[in-house]
Protein backbone atom coordinates (compact mmCIF):
# COMPACT_ATOMS: atom_id res chain seq x y z
CA MET A 1 -4.93 35.05 -2.14
CA ASP A 2 -5.78 33.72 1.42
CA SER A 3 -5.42 36.14 4.25
CA ALA A 4 -2.73 33.88 5.81
CA ILE A 5 0.57 32.93 4.49
CA SER A 6 -0.04 31.16 1.25
CA SER A 7 3.60 30.39 0.24
CA THR A 8 5.16 27.19 1.71
CA SER A 9 8.55 28.78 2.18
CA LEU A 10 9.66 30.47 5.53
CA PRO A 11 11.54 33.55 4.12
CA ASP A 12 14.09 33.68 6.99
CA ALA A 13 15.43 30.27 5.85
CA GLY A 14 16.76 31.00 2.53
CA ALA A 15 15.87 28.83 -0.34
CA PRO A 16 16.83 25.15 0.55
CA PRO A 17 15.78 22.34 -1.60
CA GLU A 18 12.15 21.10 -0.85
CA MET A 19 12.05 18.04 1.31
CA PHE A 20 8.47 17.04 1.73
CA THR A 21 7.46 13.64 0.68
CA ARG A 22 4.66 15.21 -1.34
CA GLN A 23 3.68 18.75 -2.34
CA ALA A 24 -0.04 18.23 -1.47
CA THR A 25 -1.58 16.51 1.59
CA GLY A 26 -4.66 15.29 -0.40
CA LEU A 27 -7.01 16.83 2.14
CA VAL A 28 -9.75 19.25 1.20
CA ARG A 29 -11.41 22.17 2.79
CA SER A 30 -14.84 20.84 3.79
CA ALA A 31 -15.38 22.48 7.20
CA ARG A 32 -16.67 26.13 7.80
CA ALA A 33 -16.00 28.31 10.79
CA SER A 34 -19.24 27.22 12.48
CA ASP A 35 -18.23 23.38 12.08
CA ALA A 36 -14.91 24.28 13.89
CA LEU A 37 -16.71 26.09 16.53
CA PHE A 38 -19.14 23.04 17.05
CA TYR A 39 -16.06 20.81 17.09
CA ASN A 40 -14.19 22.82 19.94
CA VAL A 41 -17.43 23.10 21.99
CA VAL A 42 -18.10 19.27 21.97
CA TRP A 43 -14.30 18.48 22.26
CA SER A 44 -14.03 20.65 25.31
CA ALA A 45 -16.54 18.14 27.11
CA PRO A 46 -18.46 20.51 29.40
CA ALA A 47 -21.30 18.04 29.83
CA LEU A 48 -19.00 14.97 30.76
CA THR A 49 -16.97 17.27 33.04
CA ILE A 50 -20.01 18.20 35.02
CA ALA A 51 -20.98 14.47 35.11
CA PHE A 52 -17.76 13.18 36.66
CA PHE A 53 -17.17 16.27 38.82
CA PHE A 54 -20.22 15.33 40.96
CA LEU A 55 -18.63 11.78 41.29
CA LEU A 56 -15.21 13.11 42.19
CA LYS A 57 -16.10 16.01 44.50
CA PRO A 58 -16.92 13.91 47.68
CA SER A 59 -13.48 12.30 47.54
CA PHE A 60 -11.37 15.21 46.27
CA TYR A 61 -13.12 18.56 46.19
CA GLN A 62 -15.47 18.57 49.23
CA GLY A 63 -16.33 22.21 50.00
CA SER A 64 -15.22 23.51 46.55
CA SER A 65 -17.24 25.81 44.37
CA PHE A 66 -17.04 24.32 41.08
CA LEU A 67 -18.52 27.39 39.34
CA LEU A 68 -15.68 29.50 41.06
CA ALA A 69 -13.18 26.99 39.82
CA CYS A 70 -14.46 27.17 36.26
CA VAL A 71 -14.20 30.98 36.42
CA PHE A 72 -10.49 30.53 37.29
CA ALA A 73 -9.96 27.99 34.56
CA PHE A 74 -11.76 30.13 32.22
CA VAL A 75 -9.54 33.14 32.82
CA LEU A 76 -6.44 30.78 32.66
CA GLY A 77 -7.72 29.56 29.33
CA ILE A 78 -8.07 32.89 27.60
CA PRO A 79 -4.57 33.76 26.47
CA GLY A 80 -4.10 30.19 25.32
CA ALA A 81 -7.34 30.30 23.21
CA PHE A 82 -6.31 33.47 21.58
CA LEU A 83 -2.71 32.30 21.13
CA TYR A 84 -3.86 29.12 19.26
CA ALA A 85 -6.27 31.34 17.21
CA MET A 86 -3.41 33.59 16.17
CA LEU A 87 -0.88 30.79 15.34
CA THR A 88 -3.61 28.90 13.33
CA THR A 89 -4.26 32.16 11.44
CA ALA A 90 -0.66 32.58 10.70
CA MET A 91 -0.02 28.91 9.74
CA PRO A 92 -3.21 27.29 8.74
CA ARG A 93 -2.06 23.71 8.11
CA SER A 94 -3.19 20.46 9.51
CA GLY A 95 -1.07 19.25 12.24
CA GLY A 96 -1.74 22.12 14.57
CA ASP A 97 0.94 22.74 17.30
CA TYR A 98 3.42 20.41 15.55
CA VAL A 99 3.54 22.65 12.60
CA PHE A 100 3.95 25.84 14.92
CA VAL A 101 6.49 24.66 17.39
CA SER A 102 8.69 22.61 14.95
CA ARG A 103 9.05 25.73 12.39
CA VAL A 104 9.60 28.46 15.00
CA VAL A 105 11.36 26.70 18.02
CA HIS A 106 13.10 23.58 16.84
CA PRO A 107 12.04 20.29 15.05
CA ILE A 108 12.87 18.39 18.06
CA VAL A 109 10.76 20.39 20.38
CA GLY A 110 7.86 20.43 17.97
CA PHE A 111 7.86 16.62 17.57
CA MET A 112 8.31 15.91 21.24
CA SER A 113 5.43 18.15 22.25
CA ASN A 114 3.09 16.98 19.62
CA PHE A 115 4.01 13.10 19.95
CA SER A 116 3.24 13.32 23.69
CA TRP A 117 -0.01 15.13 22.89
CA VAL A 118 -1.14 12.59 20.56
CA PHE A 119 -0.14 9.56 22.67
CA TRP A 120 -2.18 10.95 25.58
CA GLN A 121 -5.04 11.58 23.24
CA MET A 122 -5.13 7.85 22.45
CA TYR A 123 -5.74 7.23 26.19
CA ILE A 124 -8.49 9.77 26.46
CA ILE A 125 -10.29 7.93 23.64
CA GLY A 126 -10.50 4.89 25.94
CA VAL A 127 -11.61 7.11 28.69
CA PHE A 128 -14.49 8.36 26.81
CA ALA A 129 -15.28 5.05 25.20
CA SER A 130 -15.62 3.68 28.81
CA TYR A 131 -17.79 6.62 29.79
CA PHE A 132 -20.10 5.97 26.86
CA ALA A 133 -20.75 2.45 27.98
CA GLY A 134 -21.17 3.36 31.80
CA LEU A 135 -22.84 6.73 31.65
CA GLY A 136 -24.53 6.41 28.36
CA VAL A 137 -25.70 2.91 27.46
CA SER A 138 -26.05 1.45 31.03
CA ALA A 139 -27.73 4.61 32.27
CA TRP A 140 -30.22 4.67 29.35
CA LEU A 141 -31.13 1.00 30.02
CA ARG A 142 -31.49 1.60 33.52
CA MET A 143 -33.71 4.59 33.03
CA LEU A 144 -35.91 2.35 30.71
CA ALA A 145 -36.34 0.06 33.52
CA GLY A 146 -37.01 2.73 35.97
CA PHE A 147 -39.83 4.17 33.95
CA THR A 148 -41.29 0.87 32.50
CA GLY A 149 -40.65 -1.51 35.46
CA ASP A 150 -39.32 -4.05 32.86
CA LEU A 151 -36.39 -5.63 34.82
CA TRP A 152 -34.96 -7.02 31.53
CA PHE A 153 -33.59 -3.61 30.95
CA LEU A 154 -32.08 -3.40 34.45
CA LYS A 155 -30.30 -6.72 33.91
CA ALA A 156 -28.89 -5.40 30.64
CA ALA A 157 -28.13 -2.04 32.30
CA ASN A 158 -26.08 -3.80 34.98
CA TRP A 159 -24.10 -5.96 32.53
CA PHE A 160 -23.08 -2.91 30.51
CA GLY A 161 -21.81 -1.48 33.86
CA THR A 162 -19.40 -4.46 34.30
CA ASP A 163 -15.91 -4.36 33.15
CA TRP A 164 -16.50 -6.70 30.13
CA GLY A 165 -19.66 -4.73 29.29
CA ILE A 166 -17.79 -1.42 29.40
CA PHE A 167 -14.94 -2.87 27.30
CA ILE A 168 -17.14 -4.43 24.68
CA ALA A 169 -19.44 -1.42 24.29
CA GLY A 170 -16.48 0.99 24.47
CA THR A 171 -14.72 -1.13 21.68
CA ALA A 172 -17.75 -0.88 19.55
CA THR A 173 -17.85 2.91 20.04
CA VAL A 174 -14.20 3.33 18.87
CA VAL A 175 -14.68 1.29 15.80
CA VAL A 176 -17.93 3.08 14.72
CA SER A 177 -16.14 6.49 15.45
CA GLY A 178 -13.25 5.43 13.27
CA LEU A 179 -15.69 4.33 10.58
CA ILE A 180 -17.19 7.72 10.46
CA LEU A 181 -13.71 9.27 9.98
CA ILE A 182 -12.74 6.84 7.28
CA ALA A 183 -15.96 7.65 5.36
CA GLY A 184 -14.52 11.16 4.89
CA THR A 185 -14.40 14.61 6.20
CA ARG A 186 -17.65 15.67 4.49
CA VAL A 187 -19.34 12.70 6.23
CA PHE A 188 -17.75 13.67 9.57
CA VAL A 189 -18.81 17.38 9.28
CA ARG A 190 -22.57 16.37 8.46
CA THR A 191 -22.49 13.80 11.20
CA GLN A 192 -21.02 16.41 13.68
CA GLN A 193 -23.75 18.96 12.69
CA TYR A 194 -26.62 16.45 13.55
CA ILE A 195 -24.90 15.16 16.70
CA PHE A 196 -24.16 18.72 17.87
CA ALA A 197 -27.85 19.57 17.70
CA LEU A 198 -28.74 16.44 19.71
CA TYR A 199 -26.00 17.26 22.10
CA VAL A 200 -27.06 20.73 22.83
CA VAL A 201 -30.85 19.68 23.13
CA GLY A 202 -30.16 16.49 25.28
CA ALA A 203 -27.17 17.39 27.26
CA LEU A 204 -27.95 21.17 27.82
CA LEU A 205 -31.21 22.54 27.00
CA LEU A 206 -33.63 19.87 28.36
CA PRO A 207 -31.68 19.57 31.65
CA VAL A 208 -31.69 23.16 32.21
CA ILE A 209 -35.48 23.34 31.35
CA ILE A 210 -36.30 20.48 33.60
CA SER A 211 -33.97 21.78 36.39
CA VAL A 212 -35.85 25.19 36.31
CA LEU A 213 -39.43 23.69 36.40
CA VAL A 214 -38.92 20.80 38.75
CA SER A 215 -38.53 21.62 42.47
CA HIS A 216 -36.09 19.85 44.77
CA ALA A 217 -39.00 18.23 46.56
CA GLY A 218 -40.50 17.24 43.18
CA PHE A 219 -37.08 15.70 42.10
CA ILE A 220 -36.87 13.65 45.47
CA HIS A 221 -40.36 12.31 44.73
CA GLN A 222 -39.30 11.21 41.23
CA PHE A 223 -35.90 9.81 42.64
CA ASN A 224 -37.89 7.74 45.31
CA HIS A 225 -40.36 6.40 42.82
CA TYR A 226 -37.56 5.40 40.29
CA ALA A 227 -35.45 3.56 42.75
CA ALA A 228 -38.52 1.80 44.05
CA THR A 229 -39.31 0.74 40.55
CA LEU A 230 -35.74 -0.51 39.86
CA GLU A 231 -35.14 -2.57 43.03
CA GLY A 232 -38.07 -2.14 45.28
CA THR A 233 -36.11 0.40 47.57
CA GLY A 234 -38.35 2.60 49.46
CA ASP A 235 -37.51 6.12 50.56
CA ALA A 236 -34.21 5.95 48.56
CA ALA A 237 -33.34 9.67 49.24
CA THR A 238 -33.21 9.05 52.92
CA LYS A 239 -31.01 5.95 52.43
CA VAL A 240 -28.69 7.96 50.28
CA GLY A 241 -27.95 10.14 53.26
CA ALA A 242 -27.69 7.00 55.54
CA ALA A 243 -25.22 5.42 53.07
CA ALA A 244 -23.14 8.56 52.94
CA THR A 245 -23.02 8.76 56.71
CA ALA A 246 -21.82 5.14 56.75
CA ALA A 247 -19.08 5.86 54.40
CA GLY A 248 -17.80 8.84 56.55
CA TYR A 249 -19.42 11.78 54.86
CA ALA A 250 -19.74 14.91 56.78
CA HIS A 251 -21.05 18.39 55.52
CA SER A 252 -18.19 20.69 54.75
CA ASP A 253 -18.48 24.57 54.38
CA PHE A 254 -16.83 26.45 51.38
CA ASP A 255 -13.17 25.75 51.24
CA PHE A 256 -11.18 28.17 48.85
CA GLY A 257 -8.25 25.85 48.83
CA ARG A 258 -10.21 22.97 47.55
CA THR A 259 -11.77 25.36 45.01
CA ILE A 260 -8.22 26.07 43.66
CA LEU A 261 -7.67 22.45 43.42
CA ALA A 262 -11.03 21.95 41.54
CA ILE A 263 -9.38 23.89 38.67
CA SER A 264 -8.17 20.31 37.56
CA PRO A 265 -11.43 19.08 36.31
CA ALA A 266 -12.46 22.52 35.13
CA TRP A 267 -9.18 22.64 33.13
CA PHE A 268 -10.48 19.59 31.23
CA VAL A 269 -13.00 22.07 29.65
CA PHE A 270 -11.09 25.46 29.43
CA GLY A 271 -7.51 24.32 28.84
CA PHE A 272 -7.85 22.28 25.65
CA ILE A 273 -10.54 24.09 23.52
CA PHE A 274 -8.45 24.52 20.35
CA GLY A 275 -8.79 21.09 18.72
CA SER A 276 -9.86 22.50 15.38
CA ASN A 277 -6.31 23.94 14.84
CA TYR A 278 -5.32 20.36 14.01
CA PHE A 279 -7.32 20.18 10.98
CA ALA A 280 -7.05 23.85 10.08
CA GLY A 281 -5.90 22.95 6.42
CA GLU A 282 -9.54 21.56 6.02
CA ILE A 283 -11.39 24.76 7.27
CA ARG A 284 -12.56 27.30 4.77
CA ARG A 285 -10.54 30.62 5.64
CA GLY A 286 -11.75 33.92 6.61
CA THR A 287 -10.13 36.80 8.63
CA ARG A 288 -11.98 35.79 11.80
CA THR A 289 -12.44 32.18 11.35
CA HIS A 290 -10.14 30.73 14.06
CA TYR A 291 -11.12 33.46 16.44
CA ILE A 292 -14.81 32.41 16.20
CA ALA A 293 -13.89 28.75 16.31
CA ILE A 294 -11.45 29.01 19.39
CA PRO A 295 -12.05 31.82 21.82
CA GLY A 296 -15.69 31.65 20.63
CA ALA A 297 -15.84 28.06 21.72
CA LEU A 298 -14.30 29.04 25.19
CA VAL A 299 -17.08 31.57 25.67
CA VAL A 300 -19.82 29.07 24.61
CA SER A 301 -18.45 26.22 26.88
CA PHE A 302 -18.44 28.67 29.72
CA LEU A 303 -22.08 29.63 29.17
CA PHE A 304 -22.85 26.04 28.79
CA ILE A 305 -21.63 25.44 32.46
CA LEU A 306 -23.17 28.61 33.79
CA LEU A 307 -26.52 27.61 32.54
CA LEU A 308 -26.46 23.93 33.42
CA PHE A 309 -24.60 23.53 36.72
CA PRO A 310 -26.39 26.01 39.07
CA THR A 311 -29.83 25.01 37.67
CA PHE A 312 -29.06 21.31 37.87
CA GLN A 313 -27.56 21.59 41.57
CA HIS A 314 -30.62 23.50 42.58
CA MET A 315 -33.00 20.93 41.52
CA ALA A 316 -30.99 17.92 42.84
CA GLY A 317 -29.68 19.65 45.82
CA GLY A 318 -25.91 20.17 46.47
CA GLU A 319 -25.90 18.14 49.61
CA PHE A 320 -27.84 15.31 48.22
CA LEU A 321 -25.30 15.23 45.32
CA ASN A 322 -22.45 15.07 47.64
CA GLN A 323 -24.18 12.28 49.61
CA LEU A 324 -24.94 10.45 46.38
CA GLY A 325 -21.38 10.51 45.16
CA THR A 326 -20.10 9.08 48.69
CA GLY A 327 -22.26 6.55 49.72
CA ASP A 328 -22.55 2.75 48.40
CA PRO A 329 -25.23 2.84 45.65
CA THR A 330 -26.37 -0.59 46.37
CA LYS A 331 -27.70 0.65 49.59
CA PHE A 332 -30.41 2.90 47.83
CA GLY A 333 -31.33 0.82 44.92
CA PHE A 334 -28.71 1.50 42.33
CA SER A 335 -26.68 -1.85 42.05
CA GLY A 336 -25.36 -0.91 38.69
CA GLY A 337 -23.45 2.14 40.05
CA THR A 338 -24.03 5.90 41.09
CA PRO A 339 -26.28 7.81 38.63
CA ALA A 340 -24.62 10.81 36.94
CA TYR A 341 -26.23 14.02 36.10
CA PRO A 342 -27.75 12.93 32.76
CA GLU A 343 -29.62 9.94 34.33
CA LEU A 344 -30.64 12.29 37.27
CA ALA A 345 -31.81 14.99 35.01
CA ALA A 346 -33.90 12.08 33.26
CA ILE A 347 -35.35 11.07 36.60
CA GLY A 348 -36.34 14.58 37.24
CA SER A 349 -38.15 14.87 33.92
CA GLY A 350 -40.51 11.92 34.90
CA SER A 351 -40.50 11.08 31.06
CA ILE A 352 -39.26 8.36 29.32
CA VAL A 353 -39.16 10.49 26.04
CA TRP A 354 -37.39 13.30 27.73
CA GLY A 355 -35.12 11.09 29.44
CA THR A 356 -34.02 9.34 26.30
CA ILE A 357 -33.33 12.51 24.55
CA ILE A 358 -31.21 13.60 27.38
CA LEU A 359 -29.14 10.35 27.90
CA LEU A 360 -28.72 9.83 23.98
CA GLY A 361 -27.77 13.50 23.50
CA PHE A 362 -25.10 13.11 26.26
CA ALA A 363 -23.76 9.61 24.93
CA PHE A 364 -23.71 10.53 21.28
CA GLY A 365 -21.69 13.62 22.44
CA LEU A 366 -19.05 11.07 23.74
CA VAL A 367 -19.19 9.27 20.41
CA LEU A 368 -18.54 12.47 18.60
CA PHE A 369 -15.61 13.24 20.90
CA ILE A 370 -13.97 10.19 20.02
CA THR A 371 -14.25 10.71 16.38
CA GLN A 372 -12.88 14.39 16.73
CA THR A 373 -9.98 13.04 18.76
CA MET A 374 -9.20 10.44 16.03
CA LEU A 375 -9.35 13.27 13.42
CA LEU A 376 -7.00 15.60 15.15
CA ALA A 377 -4.52 12.66 15.91
CA SER A 378 -4.67 11.52 12.38
CA ARG A 379 -3.70 14.86 11.20
CA CYS A 380 -0.79 15.01 13.30
CA MET A 381 0.35 11.70 12.11
CA LEU A 382 -0.28 13.14 8.56
CA ALA A 383 2.01 16.00 9.19
CA TRP A 384 4.81 13.83 10.65
CA SER A 385 4.47 11.58 7.56
CA VAL A 386 4.77 14.62 5.20
CA ASP A 387 7.82 15.84 6.97
CA GLY A 388 9.40 12.57 6.69
CA VAL A 389 9.61 11.83 10.41
CA MET A 390 7.45 8.89 9.91
CA PRO A 391 6.93 6.39 6.87
CA ALA A 392 4.88 7.94 3.98
CA GLY A 393 2.46 5.17 4.40
CA LEU A 394 1.10 6.58 7.77
CA GLY A 395 -0.04 9.64 6.13
CA ALA A 396 -1.48 8.14 2.84
CA VAL A 397 -4.65 10.03 2.10
CA ASN A 398 -7.55 8.34 0.27
CA ARG A 399 -8.38 10.02 -2.96
CA ARG A 400 -12.08 9.49 -2.73
CA THR A 401 -12.58 10.12 1.01
CA HIS A 402 -9.84 12.50 1.59
CA THR A 403 -8.89 10.94 4.88
CA PRO A 404 -5.66 9.29 6.08
CA ILE A 405 -6.91 5.74 6.60
CA VAL A 406 -3.77 4.07 7.77
CA ALA A 407 -3.37 6.45 10.49
CA THR A 408 -6.99 6.14 11.56
CA VAL A 409 -6.82 2.40 11.69
CA ILE A 410 -3.76 2.58 13.84
CA ILE A 411 -5.55 5.19 16.16
CA MET A 412 -8.69 2.84 16.34
CA ILE A 413 -6.27 -0.05 17.39
CA LEU A 414 -4.60 2.18 20.15
CA GLY A 415 -7.94 3.42 21.31
CA ILE A 416 -9.16 -0.01 21.93
CA ALA A 417 -6.02 -0.81 23.87
CA ALA A 418 -6.65 2.39 25.96
CA THR A 419 -10.21 1.39 26.61
CA ALA A 420 -8.83 -1.90 28.02
CA ILE A 421 -6.45 -0.08 30.24
CA PHE A 422 -9.03 2.31 31.60
CA THR A 423 -11.51 -0.46 32.11
CA PHE A 424 -9.40 -3.35 33.57
CA THR A 425 -6.59 -1.48 35.47
CA THR A 426 -6.34 1.31 38.01
CA TRP A 427 -3.02 2.71 36.30
CA LEU A 428 -4.39 5.94 35.34
CA THR A 429 -7.39 8.19 36.22
CA THR A 430 -9.84 10.28 34.13
CA LEU A 431 -7.67 13.23 34.56
CA SER A 432 -4.18 11.74 34.30
CA ASN A 433 -3.56 13.07 30.85
CA LEU A 434 -3.92 16.70 31.93
CA PHE A 435 -0.28 17.19 33.14
CA ALA A 436 1.23 15.73 29.96
CA ASN A 437 -1.04 17.80 27.63
CA THR A 438 -0.28 21.02 29.55
CA LEU A 439 3.38 20.52 29.07
CA THR A 440 2.42 20.60 25.35
CA LEU A 441 0.76 24.00 25.91
CA LEU A 442 3.99 25.21 27.47
CA ALA A 443 5.74 24.58 24.11
CA VAL A 444 3.14 26.26 22.18
CA ALA A 445 3.18 29.40 24.43
CA LEU A 446 6.96 29.53 24.08
CA THR A 447 6.40 29.51 20.28
CA GLY A 448 4.07 32.39 20.41
CA ILE A 449 6.62 34.30 22.52
CA VAL A 450 9.41 33.95 20.11
CA LEU A 451 7.66 33.76 16.74
CA PRO A 452 8.21 37.45 15.78
CA PHE A 453 11.90 37.17 16.46
CA MET A 454 12.77 33.69 15.27
CA ARG A 455 10.59 34.01 12.03
CA LYS A 456 10.39 37.69 11.61
CA SER A 457 9.49 37.69 7.97
CA LEU A 458 6.81 35.04 8.41
CA PHE A 459 5.43 37.12 11.22
CA ASP A 460 5.42 40.39 9.24
CA ALA A 461 3.82 38.90 6.38
CA SER A 462 0.96 37.44 8.42
CA PRO A 463 -2.35 38.72 9.46
CA ILE A 464 -1.30 38.71 13.17
CA ALA A 465 1.50 41.22 12.78
CA LYS A 466 0.20 43.47 15.24
CA ARG A 467 2.18 45.44 17.91
CA TRP A 468 1.42 47.19 21.18
CA LYS A 469 3.95 49.93 22.19
CA GLY A 470 6.36 48.24 19.83
CA ILE A 471 5.93 44.76 21.31
CA PRO A 472 4.33 42.16 19.29
CA VAL A 473 0.95 41.29 20.39
CA ILE A 474 1.43 37.50 20.08
CA SER A 475 4.41 37.75 22.32
CA ILE A 476 2.41 39.36 24.98
CA VAL A 477 -0.35 36.69 24.60
CA GLY A 478 2.18 34.02 24.59
CA ALA A 479 3.75 35.24 27.72
CA PHE A 480 0.32 35.33 29.62
CA ALA A 481 -0.37 31.88 28.28
CA PHE A 482 3.00 30.57 29.55
CA VAL A 483 2.39 31.84 33.10
CA ALA A 484 -1.15 30.41 33.02
CA TYR A 485 0.03 27.06 31.96
CA LEU A 486 2.68 27.17 34.71
CA LEU A 487 0.07 28.01 37.31
CA THR A 488 -2.18 25.18 35.99
CA LEU A 489 0.81 22.74 36.11
CA ALA A 490 1.27 23.55 39.84
CA VAL A 491 -2.36 22.74 40.58
CA LEU A 492 -2.19 19.43 38.77
CA LEU A 493 0.95 18.54 40.76
CA THR A 494 -0.79 19.31 44.01
CA ASP A 495 -4.39 18.03 43.45
CA GLU A 496 -4.83 14.37 44.51
CA GLY A 497 -7.82 14.31 42.15
CA SER A 498 -5.66 15.09 39.06
CA GLY A 499 -3.93 11.57 38.84
CA THR A 500 -0.53 13.51 38.80
CA ALA A 501 -0.24 14.81 42.42
CA ILE A 502 3.54 14.55 43.02
CA LYS A 503 3.18 13.04 46.44
CA ASP A 504 0.76 10.14 45.35
CA HIS A 505 1.53 9.67 41.43
CA VAL A 506 5.32 10.49 41.09
CA THR A 507 5.64 7.35 38.80
CA THR A 508 2.90 8.65 36.53
CA VAL A 509 4.49 12.06 36.33
CA LEU A 510 7.98 10.57 35.52
CA ILE A 511 6.55 8.32 32.73
CA GLU A 512 4.66 11.42 31.18
CA THR A 513 7.62 13.71 31.39
CA GLY A 514 9.75 10.75 30.03
CA ILE A 515 7.71 10.38 26.92
CA PHE A 516 7.75 13.99 26.59
CA PHE A 517 11.50 14.65 27.06
CA VAL A 518 13.05 11.33 26.17
CA GLY A 519 10.89 9.02 24.24
CA ALA A 520 9.80 11.47 21.59
CA PRO A 521 13.19 13.29 20.89
CA LEU A 522 14.83 9.72 20.68
CA LEU A 523 12.27 8.77 17.92
CA TYR A 524 12.95 11.98 16.03
CA LEU A 525 16.71 11.25 16.19
CA ILE A 526 16.17 7.87 14.99
CA ALA A 527 14.18 9.08 12.03
CA LYS A 528 16.76 11.67 11.21
CA TRP A 529 19.46 9.09 11.23
CA VAL A 530 17.41 6.78 8.84
CA ARG A 531 16.72 9.63 6.53
CA ALA A 532 20.35 10.53 6.53
CA ARG A 533 21.19 6.95 5.39
CA GLN A 534 18.64 7.60 2.57
CA GLY A 535 20.52 10.69 1.51
CA MET A 536 18.09 13.16 3.00
CA ASP A 537 18.75 15.97 5.50
CA LEU A 538 15.50 15.64 7.53
CA SER A 539 16.03 19.18 9.14
CA LEU A 540 15.62 20.97 5.76
CA ALA A 541 11.84 20.18 5.85
CA TYR A 542 11.41 22.29 8.70
CA SER A 543 12.59 25.34 6.91
CA GLU A 544 9.15 25.37 5.03
CA ILE A 545 5.58 25.64 5.79
CA PRO A 546 4.17 22.19 5.05
CA PRO A 547 1.96 21.81 1.84
CA GLU A 548 -1.70 21.87 1.97
């Protein structure tokens, strides 16, 4: 028998008739603890966060210490990581927080928190697809031009940096990611293993090694040579400083207040490192599986940043990076846009081979992230379908590939739409989803607090039935997580760079809370009304743990 609850019934609920649309999801356990760990590390996006932090810092976080902000975000993320590991151990089902919250707090709360979560994951697919084109494909082609002198590569790079180039490349990325997932969980797991290896080598190890071996003076020499090859710009590094001064840049000493606000981009890494819980029903179980996969990934990602950020900043120079992110890039030979850390690390290497590995490792990490996001969103839709909140066809699982194809195709379409929104409009920013997603985390924290009291028999029969001085440990962890999430929400509502600062983005905040508190509950009530007309009491499904 599994170490977690193996029965689908919740003992506290009596023995109502079973209401699930089917008694097995059709999914299979294809992933190991290591696969879940790899998933969470890539999905936390430490490499991309470092890349866009240097681009955001001059505008929003001047004077901040990103490393210190990461320490704060890491500490804030610890209780949530353990909470998700505990809840996933107790209820290892695909669907993640939807299952936890709907079975413990209330079905409406569970659906509204998870629906909002999935809605904003569709948007983030568009964000990453766009970055794949701009920071991946375009940067790689520009690097080829910078090292070979072939200006055809530069023309191609500049095209991929245009709105239409970003949208077309981003759309192709979404489609390829969806096809990987449609091919089946086993294919996804194998693909993830290969890309994870490339990601670690390209986006982490090589940049760290290069940053340690190359001096700042050596980097500046390489940068000047690279810019001269691209567009004939001489002494580009000096022109970076001049362009920054023209744009109003001024050196800023350490600012603790700005460092607190920089928790926002750091939260992108450390607040949401539990993605594997959404396909927990497909992970082979062990007593420590989810503790390895979730808190373990938190530590690995923290070490990733501790290794990469300071070494890279030492090579490139903190002041130079601030100037680079401030000035007009056309003034120093980069008409296609400001180079981010992967391209800068490639420049520092002075090698087309090492540069290609760096940029492809970074870019394929973005592709993998999109596939991972599709995976978790499809499993949430599957769980809605099994419970009867959504039509059964949405969660139909292919018998050969063991993947919900209809849900995946819908997610692909929504991801393409999100790519268009992020590329062609200024409605939302890279970090706009953090506020809404942290609201979901609050619901999960509440679940952890009340689980031992609302579902006592479930708790007592689970592997997490531990107490400290008579108080359930999960309730303590949930309380710490709840406070951490409230503090983070306060930062997100204050930080102008978050995209949800209340003074500048009140409309965005109202839309996000409206989807959470109004839109999703309305959908649930409509589904309940439809099921009632079919002679079914939808609420009865929530008295049981969903099938595997």
